[in-house]
Each structure stands twice: as structure tokens, then as C-alpha cells.
Amino acid sequence: MAFKFKLPEFKQPEKCNVGKKDRIIRLAVAVLLLIGFYRGGFHNWVIALIALVLLATAYFGFCPAYLVTKTNTNQKD
């Protein structure tokens, strides 16, 4: 007797709302912020958190703030 476990399916509102240029810019800014984080400064943890958010949104191609503002920079051909 085999036990089958099925994970619940979650409906995603949008698959990708961040375009290619936007992702490149987010990645570049995140790298610069991480360099600033390692060099030191006053609010290091804030800089690191912003950089991690930018890296995550660039990697996944989804920005929750764009969902709220109904913005989509992903150009579909």
C-alpha cells in the first residue's frame, strides 16, 4: 500500500512582471550595494537587506511592488 502525498497548488497572480533590462539594472545595483555593505558604513544591515531583495526579484523575475502598482516591465513579443 503506497501513501501518496500531493502538495497544494498555489495560484500565482503573474509569472514574470520584471523585464530583462529591469533585471540587469536590479542585479547591477544589488552588486554595488553588496560592495558597499562589505566596505562598511552606518546602516550595513539595511544595505544588505535591500541588496538581497533586489537579487531575489532579479532572479525570480517577479516584484510584489509591481503587482500592487499594476506595473509590468516584461515586454512580451
N, C-alpha and C. Protein backbone atom coordinates (compact mmCIF):
# COMPACT_ATOMS: atom_id res chain seq x y z
N MET A 1 0.85 -1.17 0.00
CA MET A 1 0.00 0.00 0.00
C MET A 1 0.90 1.24 0.00
N ALA A 2 0.77 2.06 -1.02
CA ALA A 2 1.60 3.26 -1.16
C ALA A 2 0.83 4.48 -0.70
N PHE A 3 1.52 5.31 0.03
CA PHE A 3 0.92 6.56 0.50
C PHE A 3 1.29 7.67 -0.48
N LYS A 4 0.31 8.32 -1.03
CA LYS A 4 0.56 9.40 -1.98
C LYS A 4 0.23 10.73 -1.31
N PHE A 5 1.20 11.61 -1.35
CA PHE A 5 1.02 12.93 -0.76
C PHE A 5 1.10 13.96 -1.87
N LYS A 6 0.10 14.79 -1.97
CA LYS A 6 0.06 15.80 -3.02
C LYS A 6 0.12 17.19 -2.38
N LEU A 7 1.07 17.98 -2.83
CA LEU A 7 1.19 19.34 -2.32
C LEU A 7 0.08 20.21 -2.89
N PRO A 8 -0.42 21.16 -2.10
CA PRO A 8 -1.46 22.04 -2.62
C PRO A 8 -0.88 22.96 -3.70
N GLU A 9 -1.71 23.28 -4.67
CA GLU A 9 -1.27 24.16 -5.75
C GLU A 9 -1.68 25.59 -5.41
N PHE A 10 -0.73 26.49 -5.56
CA PHE A 10 -0.99 27.90 -5.30
C PHE A 10 -1.08 28.63 -6.62
N LYS A 11 -2.07 29.47 -6.74
CA LYS A 11 -2.24 30.25 -7.96
C LYS A 11 -1.34 31.48 -7.88
N GLN A 12 -0.47 31.62 -8.87
CA GLN A 12 0.39 32.79 -8.94
C GLN A 12 -0.30 33.86 -9.77
N PRO A 13 -0.35 35.09 -9.25
CA PRO A 13 -1.03 36.16 -9.99
C PRO A 13 -0.36 36.45 -11.33
N GLU A 14 0.95 36.52 -11.35
CA GLU A 14 1.71 36.76 -12.58
C GLU A 14 2.98 35.94 -12.50
N LYS A 15 3.40 35.40 -13.61
CA LYS A 15 4.62 34.61 -13.58
C LYS A 15 5.85 35.50 -13.61
N CYS A 16 5.86 36.51 -14.45
CA CYS A 16 7.03 37.37 -14.57
C CYS A 16 6.57 38.78 -14.90
N ASN A 17 6.85 39.72 -14.02
CA ASN A 17 6.47 41.11 -14.29
C ASN A 17 7.69 42.04 -14.31
N VAL A 18 8.89 41.46 -14.31
CA VAL A 18 10.12 42.24 -14.37
C VAL A 18 10.83 41.89 -15.68
N GLY A 19 11.07 42.90 -16.50
CA GLY A 19 11.69 42.70 -17.80
C GLY A 19 13.20 42.50 -17.73
N LYS A 20 13.78 42.20 -18.88
CA LYS A 20 15.21 41.88 -18.95
C LYS A 20 16.08 43.07 -18.54
N LYS A 21 15.79 44.25 -19.07
CA LYS A 21 16.57 45.44 -18.71
C LYS A 21 16.43 45.76 -17.22
N ASP A 22 15.22 45.62 -16.72
CA ASP A 22 14.96 45.87 -15.30
C ASP A 22 15.74 44.88 -14.42
N ARG A 23 15.81 43.63 -14.84
CA ARG A 23 16.55 42.62 -14.09
C ARG A 23 18.05 42.93 -14.07
N ILE A 24 18.58 43.38 -15.20
CA ILE A 24 20.00 43.72 -15.28
C ILE A 24 20.32 44.90 -14.37
N ILE A 25 19.44 45.90 -14.38
CA ILE A 25 19.65 47.08 -13.52
C ILE A 25 19.58 46.68 -12.05
N ARG A 26 18.60 45.85 -11.70
CA ARG A 26 18.48 45.38 -10.31
C ARG A 26 19.71 44.61 -9.88
N LEU A 27 20.22 43.77 -10.76
CA LEU A 27 21.41 42.98 -10.45
C LEU A 27 22.62 43.89 -10.25
N ALA A 28 22.80 44.87 -11.12
CA ALA A 28 23.94 45.79 -11.01
C ALA A 28 23.87 46.61 -9.72
N VAL A 29 22.68 47.12 -9.40
CA VAL A 29 22.52 47.91 -8.17
C VAL A 29 22.76 47.04 -6.94
N ALA A 30 22.28 45.79 -6.98
CA ALA A 30 22.48 44.88 -5.86
C ALA A 30 23.96 44.59 -5.65
N VAL A 31 24.71 44.40 -6.73
CA VAL A 31 26.15 44.15 -6.61
C VAL A 31 26.84 45.36 -6.01
N LEU A 32 26.48 46.56 -6.46
CA LEU A 32 27.08 47.78 -5.91
C LEU A 32 26.74 47.94 -4.42
N LEU A 33 25.50 47.62 -4.06
CA LEU A 33 25.12 47.71 -2.65
C LEU A 33 25.87 46.68 -1.79
N LEU A 34 26.06 45.49 -2.34
CA LEU A 34 26.81 44.48 -1.59
C LEU A 34 28.27 44.87 -1.42
N ILE A 35 28.84 45.53 -2.42
CA ILE A 35 30.21 46.05 -2.28
C ILE A 35 30.24 47.10 -1.17
N GLY A 36 29.23 47.98 -1.15
CA GLY A 36 29.14 48.97 -0.08
C GLY A 36 28.95 48.33 1.28
N PHE A 37 28.21 47.23 1.33
CA PHE A 37 27.99 46.51 2.58
C PHE A 37 29.30 45.96 3.12
N TYR A 38 30.11 45.38 2.25
CA TYR A 38 31.38 44.80 2.69
C TYR A 38 32.43 45.85 3.04
N ARG A 39 32.31 47.03 2.45
CA ARG A 39 33.28 48.09 2.74
C ARG A 39 32.97 48.79 4.06
N GLY A 40 31.77 48.59 4.58
CA GLY A 40 31.41 49.19 5.86
C GLY A 40 30.57 50.43 5.67
N GLY A 41 30.05 50.90 6.76
CA GLY A 41 29.21 52.09 6.72
C GLY A 41 28.27 52.11 7.90
N PHE A 42 27.35 53.05 7.88
CA PHE A 42 26.47 53.24 9.02
C PHE A 42 25.36 52.20 9.11
N HIS A 43 24.58 52.03 8.07
CA HIS A 43 23.45 51.10 8.08
C HIS A 43 23.76 49.88 7.22
N ASN A 44 24.69 49.08 7.64
CA ASN A 44 25.10 47.92 6.85
C ASN A 44 23.98 46.92 6.64
N TRP A 45 23.20 46.63 7.65
CA TRP A 45 22.15 45.62 7.52
C TRP A 45 21.04 46.09 6.59
N VAL A 46 20.78 47.38 6.54
CA VAL A 46 19.76 47.91 5.63
C VAL A 46 20.23 47.77 4.19
N ILE A 47 21.49 48.08 3.95
CA ILE A 47 22.06 47.94 2.61
C ILE A 47 22.02 46.48 2.17
N ALA A 48 22.38 45.57 3.06
CA ALA A 48 22.37 44.14 2.73
C ALA A 48 20.96 43.65 2.45
N LEU A 49 19.99 44.10 3.22
CA LEU A 49 18.60 43.68 3.01
C LEU A 49 18.07 44.17 1.67
N ILE A 50 18.33 45.42 1.34
CA ILE A 50 17.90 45.96 0.05
C ILE A 50 18.56 45.20 -1.09
N ALA A 51 19.84 44.90 -0.95
CA ALA A 51 20.55 44.15 -1.99
C ALA A 51 19.96 42.75 -2.16
N LEU A 52 19.63 42.09 -1.07
CA LEU A 52 19.04 40.75 -1.16
C LEU A 52 17.66 40.78 -1.81
N VAL A 53 16.87 41.79 -1.52
CA VAL A 53 15.56 41.92 -2.16
C VAL A 53 15.73 42.15 -3.67
N LEU A 54 16.66 43.01 -4.03
CA LEU A 54 16.91 43.25 -5.45
C LEU A 54 17.41 42.00 -6.16
N LEU A 55 18.29 41.25 -5.51
CA LEU A 55 18.77 39.99 -6.10
C LEU A 55 17.64 38.99 -6.27
N ALA A 56 16.78 38.88 -5.28
CA ALA A 56 15.66 37.93 -5.35
C ALA A 56 14.69 38.30 -6.46
N THR A 57 14.34 39.58 -6.57
CA THR A 57 13.40 39.99 -7.61
C THR A 57 14.04 39.87 -9.00
N ALA A 58 15.33 40.08 -9.10
CA ALA A 58 16.01 39.90 -10.39
C ALA A 58 16.07 38.42 -10.76
N TYR A 59 16.31 37.56 -9.80
CA TYR A 59 16.41 36.13 -10.06
C TYR A 59 15.05 35.53 -10.45
N PHE A 60 14.02 35.83 -9.66
CA PHE A 60 12.71 35.24 -9.90
C PHE A 60 11.91 35.96 -10.98
N GLY A 61 12.27 37.21 -11.28
CA GLY A 61 11.56 37.96 -12.31
C GLY A 61 10.18 38.42 -11.85
N PHE A 62 9.97 38.46 -10.56
CA PHE A 62 8.68 38.86 -10.01
C PHE A 62 8.90 39.88 -8.90
N CYS A 63 8.19 40.99 -8.99
CA CYS A 63 8.30 42.04 -7.99
C CYS A 63 6.91 42.29 -7.38
N PRO A 64 6.73 42.02 -6.08
CA PRO A 64 5.43 42.25 -5.45
C PRO A 64 4.98 43.72 -5.51
N ALA A 65 5.92 44.65 -5.47
CA ALA A 65 5.55 46.06 -5.57
C ALA A 65 4.96 46.37 -6.94
N TYR A 66 5.43 45.71 -7.98
CA TYR A 66 4.87 45.89 -9.32
C TYR A 66 3.45 45.35 -9.37
N LEU A 67 3.16 44.32 -8.61
CA LEU A 67 1.81 43.76 -8.57
C LEU A 67 0.85 44.76 -7.95
N VAL A 68 1.27 45.42 -6.89
CA VAL A 68 0.43 46.40 -6.21
C VAL A 68 0.17 47.61 -7.11
N THR A 69 1.22 48.07 -7.80
CA THR A 69 1.09 49.26 -8.66
C THR A 69 0.62 48.91 -10.08
N LYS A 70 0.39 47.62 -10.35
CA LYS A 70 -0.05 47.13 -11.66
C LYS A 70 0.94 47.53 -12.77
N THR A 71 2.22 47.40 -12.46
CA THR A 71 3.29 47.70 -13.42
C THR A 71 3.84 46.40 -13.97
N ASN A 72 4.16 46.40 -15.25
CA ASN A 72 4.75 45.23 -15.86
C ASN A 72 5.80 45.70 -16.86
N THR A 73 7.07 45.44 -16.57
CA THR A 73 8.15 45.84 -17.48
C THR A 73 8.58 44.69 -18.38
N ASN A 74 7.90 43.56 -18.28
CA ASN A 74 8.24 42.41 -19.11
C ASN A 74 7.56 42.59 -20.47
N GLN A 75 8.37 42.80 -21.49
CA GLN A 75 7.87 43.01 -22.84
C GLN A 75 7.64 41.66 -23.51
N LYS A 76 6.40 41.34 -23.79
CA LYS A 76 6.10 40.09 -24.48
C LYS A 76 6.03 40.35 -25.97
N ASP A 77 6.79 39.57 -26.74
CA ASP A 77 6.81 39.76 -28.19
C ASP A 77 5.69 39.00 -28.85
